[in-house]
Amino acid sequence: ANSSDHALRDCDAGYVCHLGATSPTPTNYVFNNKLQVFLGGEKCPLGHACPSGTQAAIPCSLGTYADEKGLHECKDCVDGQLCNEFGMQQALSCPP
């Protein structure tokens, strides 16, 4: 394995790497003209979870939400909250 600083590596939990990044916590998502692909990555977006090594953010499943960036797993809805859609960015309050 190449251990140079320019080696592509897996992302840490809470980050998503697009085709590879040179950092496990990338914040640079750029188009590489030479390779004609997007490289780098970003903090996991709202409404998604990013387990370690993921190449695509995973939308939160039913019953969960992600109200902040950089989560490795979505948060569970609790009693009194409604999470009835995929990829929710915040839990809704149950109607009275």
C-alpha atoms as a PDB file:
ATOM      1  CA  ALA A   1       0.000   0.000   0.000  1.00  0.00           C
ATOM      2  CA  ASN A   2       1.166   3.490  -0.796  1.00  0.00           C
ATOM      3  CA  SER A   3       1.526   5.466   2.415  1.00  0.00           C
ATOM      4  CA  SER A   4       2.142   8.871   0.832  1.00  0.00           C
ATOM      5  CA  ASP A   5      -0.065  11.816   1.702  1.00  0.00           C
ATOM      6  CA  HIS A   6      -1.563  11.639  -1.790  1.00  0.00           C
ATOM      7  CA  ALA A   7      -2.793   8.062  -1.525  1.00  0.00           C
ATOM      8  CA  LEU A   8      -6.524   7.605  -1.808  1.00  0.00           C
ATOM      9  CA  ARG A   9      -8.035   6.332   1.410  1.00  0.00           C
ATOM     10  CA  ASP A  10     -11.328   5.494   3.029  1.00  0.00           C
ATOM     11  CA  CYS A  11     -13.206   8.179   4.867  1.00  0.00           C
ATOM     12  CA  ASP A  12     -13.696   8.221   8.599  1.00  0.00           C
ATOM     13  CA  ALA A  13     -17.206   7.787   9.934  1.00  0.00           C
ATOM     14  CA  GLY A  14     -19.245  10.965   9.425  1.00  0.00           C
ATOM     15  CA  TYR A  15     -17.635  11.758   6.072  1.00  0.00           C
ATOM     16  CA  VAL A  16     -18.359  10.615   2.545  1.00  0.00           C
ATOM     17  CA  CYS A  17     -15.585  10.089  -0.004  1.00  0.00           C
ATOM     18  CA  HIS A  18     -16.411  10.430  -3.685  1.00  0.00           C
ATOM     19  CA  LEU A  19     -14.250   7.931  -5.585  1.00  0.00           C
ATOM     20  CA  GLY A  20     -11.476   8.535  -3.117  1.00  0.00           C
ATOM     21  CA  ALA A  21      -9.927  11.273  -1.095  1.00  0.00           C
ATOM     22  CA  THR A  22      -6.450  12.010   0.187  1.00  0.00           C
ATOM     23  CA  SER A  23      -7.740  12.670   3.703  1.00  0.00           C
ATOM     24  CA  PRO A  24      -9.963  10.511   5.936  1.00  0.00           C
ATOM     25  CA  THR A  25     -11.858  13.709   6.820  1.00  0.00           C
ATOM     26  CA  PRO A  26     -12.116  15.468   3.439  1.00  0.00           C
ATOM     27  CA  THR A  27     -13.757  18.835   2.982  1.00  0.00           C
ATOM     28  CA  ASN A  28     -12.779  19.325  -0.649  1.00  0.00           C
ATOM     29  CA  TYR A  29     -15.148  18.053  -3.311  1.00  0.00           C
ATOM     30  CA  VAL A  30     -13.597  19.002  -6.646  1.00  0.00           C
ATOM     31  CA  PHE A  31     -13.790  18.008 -10.293  1.00  0.00           C
ATOM     32  CA  ASN A  32     -10.540  16.553 -11.607  1.00  0.00           C
ATOM     33  CA  ASN A  33     -10.275  17.572 -15.263  1.00  0.00           C
ATOM     34  CA  LYS A  34      -7.500  15.097 -16.000  1.00  0.00           C
ATOM     35  CA  LEU A  35      -9.501  12.123 -14.697  1.00  0.00           C
ATOM     36  CA  GLN A  36     -12.928  13.609 -15.561  1.00  0.00           C
ATOM     37  CA  VAL A  37     -14.352  12.631 -12.181  1.00  0.00           C
ATOM     38  CA  PHE A  38     -15.245  14.245  -8.875  1.00  0.00           C
ATOM     39  CA  LEU A  39     -12.708  13.525  -6.147  1.00  0.00           C
ATOM     40  CA  GLY A  40     -12.534  14.369  -2.484  1.00  0.00           C
ATOM     41  CA  GLY A  41     -15.411  14.368  -0.096  1.00  0.00           C
ATOM     42  CA  GLU A  42     -17.401  16.239   2.473  1.00  0.00           C
ATOM     43  CA  LYS A  43     -19.004  16.008   5.877  1.00  0.00           C
ATOM     44  CA  CYS A  44     -22.030  13.770   5.789  1.00  0.00           C
ATOM     45  CA  PRO A  45     -25.030  15.903   4.712  1.00  0.00           C
ATOM     46  CA  LEU A  46     -28.187  16.531   6.719  1.00  0.00           C
ATOM     47  CA  GLY A  47     -30.722  13.709   6.603  1.00  0.00           C
ATOM     48  CA  HIS A  48     -28.027  11.108   5.960  1.00  0.00           C
ATOM     49  CA  ALA A  49     -25.635   8.763   7.736  1.00  0.00           C
ATOM     50  CA  CYS A  50     -22.072   8.025   6.662  1.00  0.00           C
ATOM     51  CA  PRO A  51     -20.498   4.941   8.200  1.00  0.00           C
ATOM     52  CA  SER A  52     -16.740   4.566   7.932  1.00  0.00           C
ATOM     53  CA  GLY A  53     -15.497   4.026   4.376  1.00  0.00           C
ATOM     54  CA  THR A  54     -18.754   4.944   2.653  1.00  0.00           C
ATOM     55  CA  GLN A  55     -18.671   6.323  -0.898  1.00  0.00           C
ATOM     56  CA  ALA A  56     -22.263   7.538  -0.789  1.00  0.00           C
ATOM     57  CA  ALA A  57     -24.281   9.150   1.972  1.00  0.00           C
ATOM     58  CA  ILE A  58     -27.104   6.871   3.112  1.00  0.00           C
ATOM     59  CA  PRO A  59     -30.519   8.522   3.607  1.00  0.00           C
ATOM     60  CA  CYS A  60     -31.896   8.065   7.105  1.00  0.00           C
ATOM     61  CA  SER A  61     -34.393   5.219   7.292  1.00  0.00           C
ATOM     62  CA  LEU A  62     -37.952   5.475   8.540  1.00  0.00           C
ATOM     63  CA  GLY A  63     -38.015   6.249  12.256  1.00  0.00           C
ATOM     64  CA  THR A  64     -34.701   8.123  12.184  1.00  0.00           C
ATOM     65  CA  TYR A  65     -33.352  11.576  11.294  1.00  0.00           C
ATOM     66  CA  ALA A  66     -30.088  13.524  11.029  1.00  0.00           C
ATOM     67  CA  ASP A  67     -30.297  17.156  12.136  1.00  0.00           C
ATOM     68  CA  GLU A  68     -26.573  17.862  11.879  1.00  0.00           C
ATOM     69  CA  LYS A  69     -23.810  17.213   9.397  1.00  0.00           C
ATOM     70  CA  GLY A  70     -21.127  14.611   9.968  1.00  0.00           C
ATOM     71  CA  LEU A  71     -23.169  11.837  11.590  1.00  0.00           C
ATOM     72  CA  HIS A  72     -22.062   8.229  11.212  1.00  0.00           C
ATOM     73  CA  GLU A  73     -25.568   7.026  12.027  1.00  0.00           C
ATOM     74  CA  CYS A  74     -28.987   8.639  12.116  1.00  0.00           C
ATOM     75  CA  LYS A  75     -30.682   9.504  15.391  1.00  0.00           C
ATOM     76  CA  ASP A  76     -33.747   7.545  16.511  1.00  0.00           C
ATOM     77  CA  CYS A  77     -37.091   9.265  16.836  1.00  0.00           C
ATOM     78  CA  VAL A  78     -38.429   9.070  20.379  1.00  0.00           C
ATOM     79  CA  ASP A  79     -41.944   8.970  21.768  1.00  0.00           C
ATOM     80  CA  GLY A  80     -43.862  12.043  20.674  1.00  0.00           C
ATOM     81  CA  GLN A  81     -41.843  12.440  17.479  1.00  0.00           C
ATOM     82  CA  LEU A  82     -42.762  11.468  13.950  1.00  0.00           C
ATOM     83  CA  CYS A  83     -40.162  10.338  11.399  1.00  0.00           C
ATOM     84  CA  ASN A  84     -42.294   9.017   8.566  1.00  0.00           C
ATOM     85  CA  GLU A  85     -40.070   9.741   5.556  1.00  0.00           C
ATOM     86  CA  PHE A  86     -36.628   8.704   4.358  1.00  0.00           C
ATOM     87  CA  GLY A  87     -33.804  11.213   4.684  1.00  0.00           C
ATOM     88  CA  MET A  88     -35.444  13.403   7.307  1.00  0.00           C
ATOM     89  CA  GLN A  89     -33.377  16.330   8.590  1.00  0.00           C
ATOM     90  CA  GLN A  90     -35.439  16.785  11.733  1.00  0.00           C
ATOM     91  CA  ALA A  91     -38.020  14.876  13.715  1.00  0.00           C
ATOM     92  CA  LEU A  92     -41.559  16.205  13.567  1.00  0.00           C
ATOM     93  CA  SER A  93     -43.759  16.565  16.617  1.00  0.00           C
ATOM     94  CA  CYS A  94     -46.682  14.186  16.677  1.00  0.00           C
ATOM     95  CA  PRO A  95     -50.005  15.934  16.166  1.00  0.00           C
ATOM     96  CA  PRO A  96     -52.000  16.341  19.388  1.00  0.00           C
END
